[in-house]
Amino acid sequence: MPGFLARRLSVAAALVVAVVSAAFLLVEALPGGPGTIPEDPRVPPAQAERLRAAWGLDRPLPERHGRFLASALAGDWGPSL
């Protein structure tokens, strides 16, 4: 019985990681992506770069994914809008 429970828990954990990763990658794959707000012509380029850095969009995709996954699994879903 403990082996069955351990298998079920490991499959559930893998499923959670897969779903969170899929959500991240789908948002990244959308046209425009999460960084389109700074590309607004009304936003000065210097401010757009500051926003990208503040949001972490200046980092490579694998690093952003790792940070997203770690914070999501820790329960840190970011600020509420």
Foldseek 3Di string as FASTA:
>chain_A
DVVVVVVVVVVVVVVVLVVQLVVQVVQCPDVCHPLNVLVPPVHDPVVSVVVCVVVVVVDDPVVVSVVSSVCVVVVNPDDDD
